[in-house]
Amino acid sequence: MGQKRRKLPQNLAAGRPPVLHRPKSISRKATKAIINRHHLLQKRKRQAIAKGDKAAEAAIDAEIEALGGLESYQEASLQGQRHDRGGDSSRVLMQWLEPCLLESGRQLRMLEVGALSTQNACSKSGHFDIERIDLNSQEEGILQQDFMERPLPREESEQFDIISLSLVLNYVPEPKERGEMLRRTTQFLRAPGRYVDTPQLTGKFPSLFLVLPAPCVTNSRYLDEERLSAIMASLGYAMVASKTTQRLVYYLWRRDRVCKGSGGPFPKKEVRSGSSRNNFAVVLS
């Protein structure tokens, strides 16, 4: 009997090694567990670094790597963007902005920090010229870059009309670093008042789109919406729109003035008591 002929793959995707196949969907419970585990390990790592415990730091790094590293966190975040799990957070932003964008007819510059996809609602709208960056780029069209190390704009053409920080600030490990990230956004946004020729945009731009897990604001020992608003006001931001769901809080902040100082001070201060609170905080020194 002759040898059986090997069946050829029907397309390129079928012939790729399994490692390149898109991972299967994971449950919402598993997604949440992965994200929470990453946050817990990062917290323990910061504690080990503060104590100078190199052995503990190395052990935690190994556990993070065994969990899949930043890639597994990003995959869990991508799963969370599926339509059956609340979907793409930028759809909320487009609900807020589309009327004025359609009326103005202008295309604006957006910087998307922590971008996971080039196919979200903002990308498909046609209203934005988008520059996307992430610590670990997952696809072509996303520059691998740390926002905190991004060179500051040298001229207005390098600035943006809007910055998106969707589920980014909560992954920054230290409260002071979160404050610095918020402060740094003001240096990348165009100056208030430059939209005089397009009055449709003056109430919304330049702006910051900020998305956080809801408990960061609704159940934190050190942060509530009032304190967050005060922190943002010290940086020259005013709240334009907000939305709270069971899982997420969405904010649109307009940069309405240029602050002479650097904002703050806002130290770590308890605003809610109770053993069930989390310790998420934003500090401006």
C-alpha atoms as a PDB file:
ATOM      1  CA  MET A   1       0.000   0.000   0.000  1.00  0.00           C
ATOM      2  CA  GLY A   2       1.359   3.422  -0.931  1.00  0.00           C
ATOM      3  CA  GLN A   3       1.944   6.147   1.557  1.00  0.00           C
ATOM      4  CA  LYS A   4      -0.938   8.461   2.289  1.00  0.00           C
ATOM      5  CA  ARG A   5      -0.502  11.873   0.753  1.00  0.00           C
ATOM      6  CA  ARG A   6      -0.028  14.611   3.287  1.00  0.00           C
ATOM      7  CA  LYS A   7      -2.962  17.009   3.277  1.00  0.00           C
ATOM      8  CA  LEU A   8      -1.807  20.532   2.483  1.00  0.00           C
ATOM      9  CA  PRO A   9      -3.125  23.447   4.497  1.00  0.00           C
ATOM     10  CA  GLN A  10      -5.981  25.271   2.820  1.00  0.00           C
ATOM     11  CA  ASN A  11      -4.664  28.746   3.631  1.00  0.00           C
ATOM     12  CA  LEU A  12      -1.715  30.517   5.217  1.00  0.00           C
ATOM     13  CA  ALA A  13      -3.385  30.751   8.613  1.00  0.00           C
ATOM     14  CA  ALA A  14      -3.962  26.996   8.691  1.00  0.00           C
ATOM     15  CA  GLY A  15      -0.298  26.345   7.957  1.00  0.00           C
ATOM     16  CA  ARG A  16       1.158  28.613  10.635  1.00  0.00           C
ATOM     17  CA  PRO A  17       2.751  27.136  13.742  1.00  0.00           C
ATOM     18  CA  PRO A  18       0.322  26.859  16.683  1.00  0.00           C
ATOM     19  CA  VAL A  19       2.248  29.521  18.626  1.00  0.00           C
ATOM     20  CA  LEU A  20       1.030  32.152  16.175  1.00  0.00           C
ATOM     21  CA  HIS A  21      -2.635  31.218  16.430  1.00  0.00           C
ATOM     22  CA  ARG A  22      -4.830  33.750  18.215  1.00  0.00           C
ATOM     23  CA  PRO A  23      -5.525  32.529  21.742  1.00  0.00           C
ATOM     24  CA  LYS A  24      -8.958  31.131  22.485  1.00  0.00           C
ATOM     25  CA  SER A  25     -11.423  33.254  24.375  1.00  0.00           C
ATOM     26  CA  ILE A  26     -11.181  33.038  28.124  1.00  0.00           C
ATOM     27  CA  SER A  27     -14.026  33.567  30.545  1.00  0.00           C
ATOM     28  CA  ARG A  28     -14.750  36.872  32.249  1.00  0.00           C
ATOM     29  CA  LYS A  29     -13.863  35.258  35.590  1.00  0.00           C
ATOM     30  CA  ALA A  30     -10.491  34.071  34.270  1.00  0.00           C
ATOM     31  CA  THR A  31      -9.834  37.461  32.668  1.00  0.00           C
ATOM     32  CA  LYS A  32     -10.463  39.239  35.959  1.00  0.00           C
ATOM     33  CA  ALA A  33      -8.303  36.740  37.842  1.00  0.00           C
ATOM     34  CA  ILE A  34      -5.333  37.304  35.498  1.00  0.00           C
ATOM     35  CA  ILE A  35      -5.576  41.086  35.729  1.00  0.00           C
ATOM     36  CA  ASN A  36      -5.961  41.041  39.528  1.00  0.00           C
ATOM     37  CA  ARG A  37      -3.036  38.628  39.880  1.00  0.00           C
ATOM     38  CA  HIS A  38      -0.810  40.905  37.816  1.00  0.00           C
ATOM     39  CA  HIS A  39      -1.742  43.886  39.979  1.00  0.00           C
ATOM     40  CA  LEU A  40      -1.079  41.919  43.176  1.00  0.00           C
ATOM     41  CA  LEU A  41       2.325  40.722  41.958  1.00  0.00           C
ATOM     42  CA  GLN A  42       3.292  44.238  40.937  1.00  0.00           C
ATOM     43  CA  LYS A  43       2.341  45.474  44.409  1.00  0.00           C
ATOM     44  CA  ARG A  44       4.432  42.741  46.074  1.00  0.00           C
ATOM     45  CA  LYS A  45       7.328  43.574  43.783  1.00  0.00           C
ATOM     46  CA  ARG A  46       7.218  47.240  44.833  1.00  0.00           C
ATOM     47  CA  GLN A  47       7.253  46.159  48.482  1.00  0.00           C
ATOM     48  CA  ALA A  48      10.248  43.896  47.873  1.00  0.00           C
ATOM     49  CA  ILE A  49      12.118  46.697  46.087  1.00  0.00           C
ATOM     50  CA  ALA A  50      11.362  49.105  48.954  1.00  0.00           C
ATOM     51  CA  LYS A  51      12.803  46.574  51.427  1.00  0.00           C
ATOM     52  CA  GLY A  52      15.823  45.848  49.226  1.00  0.00           C
ATOM     53  CA  ASP A  53      14.872  42.169  49.153  1.00  0.00           C
ATOM     54  CA  LYS A  54      16.499  41.036  45.897  1.00  0.00           C
ATOM     55  CA  ALA A  55      15.577  37.378  46.390  1.00  0.00           C
ATOM     56  CA  ALA A  56      11.877  38.188  46.784  1.00  0.00           C
ATOM     57  CA  GLU A  57      12.005  40.559  43.807  1.00  0.00           C
ATOM     58  CA  ALA A  58      13.553  37.840  41.617  1.00  0.00           C
ATOM     59  CA  ALA A  59      10.971  35.294  42.777  1.00  0.00           C
ATOM     60  CA  ILE A  60       8.119  37.676  41.957  1.00  0.00           C
ATOM     61  CA  ASP A  61       9.614  38.430  38.536  1.00  0.00           C
ATOM     62  CA  ALA A  62       9.735  34.696  37.872  1.00  0.00           C
ATOM     63  CA  GLU A  63       6.078  34.345  38.896  1.00  0.00           C
ATOM     64  CA  ILE A  64       5.084  37.235  36.620  1.00  0.00           C
ATOM     65  CA  GLU A  65       6.977  35.588  33.774  1.00  0.00           C
ATOM     66  CA  ALA A  66       5.344  32.227  34.503  1.00  0.00           C
ATOM     67  CA  LEU A  67       1.971  33.952  34.358  1.00  0.00           C
ATOM     68  CA  GLY A  68       2.811  35.128  30.852  1.00  0.00           C
ATOM     69  CA  GLY A  69       4.334  38.519  31.601  1.00  0.00           C
ATOM     70  CA  LEU A  70       2.869  41.716  30.225  1.00  0.00           C
ATOM     71  CA  GLU A  71       1.559  39.764  27.217  1.00  0.00           C
ATOM     72  CA  SER A  72      -0.904  37.800  29.357  1.00  0.00           C
ATOM     73  CA  TYR A  73      -2.124  41.016  30.989  1.00  0.00           C
ATOM     74  CA  GLN A  74      -2.647  42.569  27.566  1.00  0.00           C
ATOM     75  CA  GLU A  75      -4.461  39.487  26.280  1.00  0.00           C
ATOM     76  CA  ALA A  76      -6.778  39.631  29.281  1.00  0.00           C
ATOM     77  CA  SER A  77      -7.361  43.321  28.591  1.00  0.00           C
ATOM     78  CA  LEU A  78      -8.154  42.551  24.951  1.00  0.00           C
ATOM     79  CA  GLN A  79     -10.634  39.906  26.053  1.00  0.00           C
ATOM     80  CA  GLY A  80     -12.277  42.569  28.199  1.00  0.00           C
ATOM     81  CA  GLN A  81     -12.792  44.713  25.095  1.00  0.00           C
ATOM     82  CA  ARG A  82     -14.995  42.114  23.427  1.00  0.00           C
ATOM     83  CA  HIS A  83     -18.537  43.278  22.753  1.00  0.00           C
ATOM     84  CA  ASP A  84     -20.018  40.670  25.064  1.00  0.00           C
ATOM     85  CA  ARG A  85     -17.918  42.020  27.952  1.00  0.00           C
ATOM     86  CA  GLY A  86     -18.630  45.712  27.727  1.00  0.00           C
ATOM     87  CA  GLY A  87     -16.656  46.230  24.555  1.00  0.00           C
ATOM     88  CA  ASP A  88     -14.273  48.892  23.367  1.00  0.00           C
ATOM     89  CA  SER A  89     -14.051  51.794  25.840  1.00  0.00           C
ATOM     90  CA  SER A  90     -13.537  54.327  23.040  1.00  0.00           C
ATOM     91  CA  ARG A  91     -17.164  53.800  21.988  1.00  0.00           C
ATOM     92  CA  VAL A  92     -18.127  55.879  25.036  1.00  0.00           C
ATOM     93  CA  LEU A  93     -15.710  58.587  23.928  1.00  0.00           C
ATOM     94  CA  MET A  94     -17.231  58.658  20.451  1.00  0.00           C
ATOM     95  CA  GLN A  95     -20.717  59.010  21.939  1.00  0.00           C
ATOM     96  CA  TRP A  96     -19.484  62.137  23.687  1.00  0.00           C
ATOM     97  CA  LEU A  97     -17.506  63.602  20.791  1.00  0.00           C
ATOM     98  CA  GLU A  98     -19.140  62.550  17.518  1.00  0.00           C
ATOM     99  CA  PRO A  99     -21.755  65.366  17.365  1.00  0.00           C
ATOM    100  CA  CYS A 100     -19.190  68.161  17.673  1.00  0.00           C
ATOM    101  CA  LEU A 101     -16.706  66.387  15.389  1.00  0.00           C
ATOM    102  CA  LEU A 102     -19.299  65.976  12.668  1.00  0.00           C
ATOM    103  CA  GLU A 103     -20.284  69.625  12.969  1.00  0.00           C
ATOM    104  CA  SER A 104     -16.715  70.922  12.868  1.00  0.00           C
ATOM    105  CA  GLY A 105     -15.563  68.742   9.978  1.00  0.00           C
ATOM    106  CA  ARG A 106     -11.995  68.831  11.304  1.00  0.00           C
ATOM    107  CA  GLN A 107      -9.678  65.875  11.795  1.00  0.00           C
ATOM    108  CA  LEU A 108      -7.895  66.047  15.135  1.00  0.00           C
ATOM    109  CA  ARG A 109      -4.686  64.517  16.452  1.00  0.00           C
ATOM    110  CA  MET A 110      -4.993  61.810  19.098  1.00  0.00           C
ATOM    111  CA  LEU A 111      -2.340  60.095  21.199  1.00  0.00           C
ATOM    112  CA  GLU A 112      -3.563  56.706  22.395  1.00  0.00           C
ATOM    113  CA  VAL A 113      -1.428  55.477  25.296  1.00  0.00           C
ATOM    114  CA  GLY A 114      -1.610  51.761  26.038  1.00  0.00           C
ATOM    115  CA  ALA A 115      -3.145  50.989  22.653  1.00  0.00           C
ATOM    116  CA  LEU A 116      -4.146  47.368  22.170  1.00  0.00           C
ATOM    117  CA  SER A 117      -5.832  47.556  18.772  1.00  0.00           C
ATOM    118  CA  THR A 118      -5.948  49.639  15.612  1.00  0.00           C
ATOM    119  CA  GLN A 119      -9.594  48.732  15.069  1.00  0.00           C
ATOM    120  CA  ASN A 120     -11.390  50.486  17.920  1.00  0.00           C
ATOM    121  CA  ALA A 121     -14.228  52.998  17.542  1.00  0.00           C
ATOM    122  CA  CYS A 122     -11.930  56.028  17.394  1.00  0.00           C
ATOM    123  CA  SER A 123      -9.801  54.425  14.692  1.00  0.00           C
ATOM    124  CA  LYS A 124     -12.826  53.574  12.560  1.00  0.00           C
ATOM    125  CA  SER A 125     -14.509  56.973  12.959  1.00  0.00           C
ATOM    126  CA  GLY A 126     -12.255  58.823  10.522  1.00  0.00           C
ATOM    127  CA  HIS A 127     -12.233  61.858  12.817  1.00  0.00           C
ATOM    128  CA  PHE A 128      -8.728  61.340  14.165  1.00  0.00           C
ATOM    129  CA  ASP A 129      -5.138  61.129  13.048  1.00  0.00           C
ATOM    130  CA  ILE A 130      -4.043  58.658  15.718  1.00  0.00           C
ATOM    131  CA  GLU A 131      -0.594  57.922  17.083  1.00  0.00           C
ATOM    132  CA  ARG A 132      -0.690  54.726  19.148  1.00  0.00           C
ATOM    133  CA  ILE A 133       1.903  53.645  21.691  1.00  0.00           C
ATOM    134  CA  ASP A 134       2.215  50.769  24.158  1.00  0.00           C
ATOM    135  CA  LEU A 135       4.896  49.230  26.361  1.00  0.00           C
ATOM    136  CA  ASN A 136       4.563  45.972  24.435  1.00  0.00           C
ATOM    137  CA  SER A 137       3.161  46.505  20.949  1.00  0.00           C
ATOM    138  CA  GLN A 138       0.748  43.756  19.912  1.00  0.00           C
ATOM    139  CA  GLU A 139       0.326  44.666  16.246  1.00  0.00           C
ATOM    140  CA  GLU A 140       1.581  46.791  13.388  1.00  0.00           C
ATOM    141  CA  GLY A 141       0.510  50.398  13.741  1.00  0.00           C
ATOM    142  CA  ILE A 142       1.278  50.559  17.483  1.00  0.00           C
ATOM    143  CA  LEU A 143       4.665  52.015  18.418  1.00  0.00           C
ATOM    144  CA  GLN A 144       6.450  50.249  21.282  1.00  0.00           C
ATOM    145  CA  GLN A 145       7.127  53.123  23.658  1.00  0.00           C
ATOM    146  CA  ASP A 146       6.850  54.156  27.311  1.00  0.00           C
ATOM    147  CA  PHE A 147       4.784  57.335  27.568  1.00  0.00           C
ATOM    148  CA  MET A 148       6.886  58.489  30.525  1.00  0.00           C
ATOM    149  CA  GLU A 149      10.011  58.314  28.346  1.00  0.00           C
ATOM    150  CA  ARG A 150       8.464  59.788  25.205  1.00  0.00           C
ATOM    151  CA  PRO A 151      10.349  62.929  24.111  1.00  0.00           C
ATOM    152  CA  LEU A 152       8.452  66.102  24.948  1.00  0.00           C
ATOM    153  CA  PRO A 153       6.972  68.029  21.997  1.00  0.00           C
ATOM    154  CA  ARG A 154       9.301  70.699  20.639  1.00  0.00           C
ATOM    155  CA  GLU A 155       6.612  72.516  18.669  1.00  0.00           C
ATOM    156  CA  GLU A 156       2.831  72.636  18.394  1.00  0.00           C
ATOM    157  CA  SER A 157       2.736  70.272  15.414  1.00  0.00           C
ATOM    158  CA  GLU A 158       3.984  67.524  17.755  1.00  0.00           C
ATOM    159  CA  GLN A 159       1.209  68.127  20.284  1.00  0.00           C
ATOM    160  CA  PHE A 160      -2.245  66.545  20.351  1.00  0.00           C
ATOM    161  CA  ASP A 161      -5.865  67.609  20.581  1.00  0.00           C
ATOM    162  CA  ILE A 162      -6.743  64.632  22.760  1.00  0.00           C
ATOM    163  CA  ILE A 163      -4.926  61.929  24.744  1.00  0.00           C
ATOM    164  CA  SER A 164      -6.484  58.586  25.639  1.00  0.00           C
ATOM    165  CA  LEU A 165      -5.456  56.839  28.884  1.00  0.00           C
ATOM    166  CA  SER A 166      -7.837  53.894  28.902  1.00  0.00           C
ATOM    167  CA  LEU A 167      -7.010  51.391  31.665  1.00  0.00           C
ATOM    168  CA  VAL A 168      -3.435  52.658  31.789  1.00  0.00           C
ATOM    169  CA  LEU A 169      -3.152  54.715  34.976  1.00  0.00           C
ATOM    170  CA  ASN A 170      -4.250  51.768  37.140  1.00  0.00           C
ATOM    171  CA  TYR A 171      -1.317  49.694  35.877  1.00  0.00           C
ATOM    172  CA  VAL A 172       1.245  52.347  36.909  1.00  0.00           C
ATOM    173  CA  PRO A 173       2.745  50.868  40.090  1.00  0.00           C
ATOM    174  CA  GLU A 174       3.221  53.865  42.404  1.00  0.00           C
ATOM    175  CA  PRO A 175       0.777  56.648  43.401  1.00  0.00           C
ATOM    176  CA  LYS A 176       3.442  59.324  42.741  1.00  0.00           C
ATOM    177  CA  GLU A 177       4.097  57.883  39.281  1.00  0.00           C
ATOM    178  CA  ARG A 178       0.361  58.052  38.520  1.00  0.00           C
ATOM    179  CA  GLY A 179       0.375  61.707  39.478  1.00  0.00           C
ATOM    180  CA  GLU A 180       3.393  62.312  37.266  1.00  0.00           C
ATOM    181  CA  MET A 181       1.665  60.608  34.343  1.00  0.00           C
ATOM    182  CA  LEU A 182      -1.375  62.862  34.686  1.00  0.00           C
ATOM    183  CA  ARG A 183       0.875  65.910  34.989  1.00  0.00           C
ATOM    184  CA  ARG A 184       2.822  64.868  31.898  1.00  0.00           C
ATOM    185  CA  THR A 185      -0.301  64.705  29.735  1.00  0.00           C
ATOM    186  CA  THR A 186      -0.582  68.497  29.914  1.00  0.00           C
ATOM    187  CA  GLN A 187       2.767  68.826  28.144  1.00  0.00           C
ATOM    188  CA  PHE A 188       1.515  66.852  25.146  1.00  0.00           C
ATOM    189  CA  LEU A 189      -1.797  68.668  24.719  1.00  0.00           C
ATOM    190  CA  ARG A 190      -2.269  71.767  22.629  1.00  0.00           C
ATOM    191  CA  ALA A 191      -2.921  75.016  24.461  1.00  0.00           C
ATOM    192  CA  PRO A 192      -6.475  75.967  25.474  1.00  0.00           C
ATOM    193  CA  GLY A 193      -8.076  78.612  23.283  1.00  0.00           C
ATOM    194  CA  ARG A 194      -6.654  77.483  19.956  1.00  0.00           C
ATOM    195  CA  TYR A 195     -10.101  76.336  18.748  1.00  0.00           C
ATOM    196  CA  VAL A 196     -11.599  79.825  18.447  1.00  0.00           C
ATOM    197  CA  ASP A 197     -12.105  79.357  14.707  1.00  0.00           C
ATOM    198  CA  THR A 198     -14.117  76.164  15.346  1.00  0.00           C
ATOM    199  CA  PRO A 199     -16.466  76.955  18.267  1.00  0.00           C
ATOM    200  CA  GLN A 200     -17.985  73.465  18.067  1.00  0.00           C
ATOM    201  CA  LEU A 201     -14.749  72.128  19.584  1.00  0.00           C
ATOM    202  CA  THR A 202     -14.097  74.686  22.322  1.00  0.00           C
ATOM    203  CA  GLY A 203     -16.192  72.893  24.937  1.00  0.00           C
ATOM    204  CA  LYS A 204     -14.418  69.558  24.468  1.00  0.00           C
ATOM    205  CA  PHE A 205     -10.805  70.173  23.418  1.00  0.00           C
ATOM    206  CA  PRO A 206      -7.950  69.903  24.158  1.00  0.00           C
ATOM    207  CA  SER A 207      -8.856  66.933  26.321  1.00  0.00           C
ATOM    208  CA  LEU A 208      -7.888  63.795  28.197  1.00  0.00           C
ATOM    209  CA  PHE A 209      -9.978  60.606  28.049  1.00  0.00           C
ATOM    210  CA  LEU A 210      -9.395  58.678  31.264  1.00  0.00           C
ATOM    211  CA  VAL A 211     -10.779  55.200  31.980  1.00  0.00           C
ATOM    212  CA  LEU A 212     -10.220  53.328  35.243  1.00  0.00           C
ATOM    213  CA  PRO A 213     -11.633  50.229  36.912  1.00  0.00           C
ATOM    214  CA  ALA A 214     -14.624  51.546  38.860  1.00  0.00           C
ATOM    215  CA  PRO A 215     -13.335  50.447  42.306  1.00  0.00           C
ATOM    216  CA  CYS A 216     -10.297  52.746  41.869  1.00  0.00           C
ATOM    217  CA  VAL A 217     -12.691  55.662  42.379  1.00  0.00           C
ATOM    218  CA  THR A 218     -15.839  54.191  43.937  1.00  0.00           C
ATOM    219  CA  ASN A 219     -14.218  52.019  46.617  1.00  0.00           C
ATOM    220  CA  SER A 220     -10.738  53.406  47.240  1.00  0.00           C
ATOM    221  CA  ARG A 221      -9.503  54.386  50.653  1.00  0.00           C
ATOM    222  CA  TYR A 222      -7.520  57.269  49.143  1.00  0.00           C
ATOM    223  CA  LEU A 223      -9.437  58.416  46.060  1.00  0.00           C
ATOM    224  CA  ASP A 224     -12.997  59.429  45.292  1.00  0.00           C
ATOM    225  CA  GLU A 225     -14.413  61.521  42.464  1.00  0.00           C
ATOM    226  CA  GLU A 226     -14.186  64.731  44.479  1.00  0.00           C
ATOM    227  CA  ARG A 227     -10.495  64.265  45.183  1.00  0.00           C
ATOM    228  CA  LEU A 228      -9.792  63.166  41.609  1.00  0.00           C
ATOM    229  CA  SER A 229     -11.527  66.316  40.352  1.00  0.00           C
ATOM    230  CA  ALA A 230      -9.419  68.446  42.693  1.00  0.00           C
ATOM    231  CA  ILE A 231      -6.223  66.786  41.456  1.00  0.00           C
ATOM    232  CA  MET A 232      -7.213  67.330  37.839  1.00  0.00           C
ATOM    233  CA  ALA A 233      -8.235  70.955  38.514  1.00  0.00           C
ATOM    234  CA  SER A 234      -4.773  71.632  39.954  1.00  0.00           C
ATOM    235  CA  LEU A 235      -3.365  70.525  36.594  1.00  0.00           C
ATOM    236  CA  GLY A 236      -5.720  72.810  34.654  1.00  0.00           C
ATOM    237  CA  TYR A 237      -8.401  70.236  33.777  1.00  0.00           C
ATOM    238  CA  ALA A 238     -12.173  70.566  34.065  1.00  0.00           C
ATOM    239  CA  MET A 239     -14.542  67.597  33.856  1.00  0.00           C
ATOM    240  CA  VAL A 240     -16.657  67.621  30.682  1.00  0.00           C
ATOM    241  CA  ALA A 241     -18.357  64.228  30.916  1.00  0.00           C
ATOM    242  CA  SER A 242     -18.361  61.128  33.091  1.00  0.00           C
ATOM    243  CA  LYS A 243     -19.959  57.711  33.150  1.00  0.00           C
ATOM    244  CA  THR A 244     -19.849  54.993  35.795  1.00  0.00           C
ATOM    245  CA  THR A 245     -20.696  51.351  35.180  1.00  0.00           C
ATOM    246  CA  GLN A 246     -20.326  48.326  37.413  1.00  0.00           C
ATOM    247  CA  ARG A 247     -16.849  47.689  36.021  1.00  0.00           C
ATOM    248  CA  LEU A 248     -15.452  50.997  34.767  1.00  0.00           C
ATOM    249  CA  VAL A 249     -15.449  54.759  35.209  1.00  0.00           C
ATOM    250  CA  TYR A 250     -15.051  56.962  32.133  1.00  0.00           C
ATOM    251  CA  TYR A 251     -14.037  60.627  32.199  1.00  0.00           C
ATOM    252  CA  LEU A 252     -13.474  63.339  29.633  1.00  0.00           C
ATOM    253  CA  TRP A 253     -11.357  66.186  31.015  1.00  0.00           C
ATOM    254  CA  ARG A 254     -10.855  69.429  29.083  1.00  0.00           C
ATOM    255  CA  ARG A 255      -7.616  71.324  29.559  1.00  0.00           C
ATOM    256  CA  ASP A 256      -9.097  74.761  30.097  1.00  0.00           C
ATOM    257  CA  ARG A 257      -6.096  76.638  31.468  1.00  0.00           C
ATOM    258  CA  VAL A 258      -2.310  76.512  31.611  1.00  0.00           C
ATOM    259  CA  CYS A 259      -1.135  76.222  35.203  1.00  0.00           C
ATOM    260  CA  LYS A 260       1.879  78.254  36.284  1.00  0.00           C
ATOM    261  CA  GLY A 261       2.756  75.719  38.936  1.00  0.00           C
ATOM    262  CA  SER A 262       3.062  71.949  38.691  1.00  0.00           C
ATOM    263  CA  GLY A 263      -0.188  71.063  40.433  1.00  0.00           C
ATOM    264  CA  GLY A 264      -0.769  69.791  43.935  1.00  0.00           C
ATOM    265  CA  PRO A 265       0.288  69.093  46.530  1.00  0.00           C
ATOM    266  CA  PHE A 266      -1.998  66.112  46.990  1.00  0.00           C
ATOM    267  CA  PRO A 267      -0.432  63.620  49.411  1.00  0.00           C
ATOM    268  CA  LYS A 268      -1.804  60.191  50.137  1.00  0.00           C
ATOM    269  CA  LYS A 269      -4.778  60.951  52.366  1.00  0.00           C
ATOM    270  CA  GLU A 270      -7.639  58.775  53.545  1.00  0.00           C
ATOM    271  CA  VAL A 271     -10.998  59.892  52.163  1.00  0.00           C
ATOM    272  CA  ARG A 272     -12.953  56.745  53.112  1.00  0.00           C
ATOM    273  CA  SER A 273     -12.545  54.342  55.997  1.00  0.00           C
ATOM    274  CA  GLY A 274     -13.368  50.666  56.141  1.00  0.00           C
ATOM    275  CA  SER A 275     -11.562  47.353  55.878  1.00  0.00           C
ATOM    276  CA  SER A 276     -13.168  46.546  52.513  1.00  0.00           C
ATOM    277  CA  ARG A 277     -11.555  49.512  50.729  1.00  0.00           C
ATOM    278  CA  ASN A 278      -8.728  49.147  48.211  1.00  0.00           C
ATOM    279  CA  ASN A 279      -5.543  51.238  48.357  1.00  0.00           C
ATOM    280  CA  PHE A 280      -5.567  52.837  44.907  1.00  0.00           C
ATOM    281  CA  ALA A 281      -4.203  56.379  45.158  1.00  0.00           C
ATOM    282  CA  VAL A 282      -2.912  59.248  43.030  1.00  0.00           C
ATOM    283  CA  VAL A 283      -0.304  61.531  44.583  1.00  0.00           C
ATOM    284  CA  LEU A 284       0.921  64.912  43.367  1.00  0.00           C
ATOM    285  CA  SER A 285       3.988  66.080  45.257  1.00  0.00           C
END
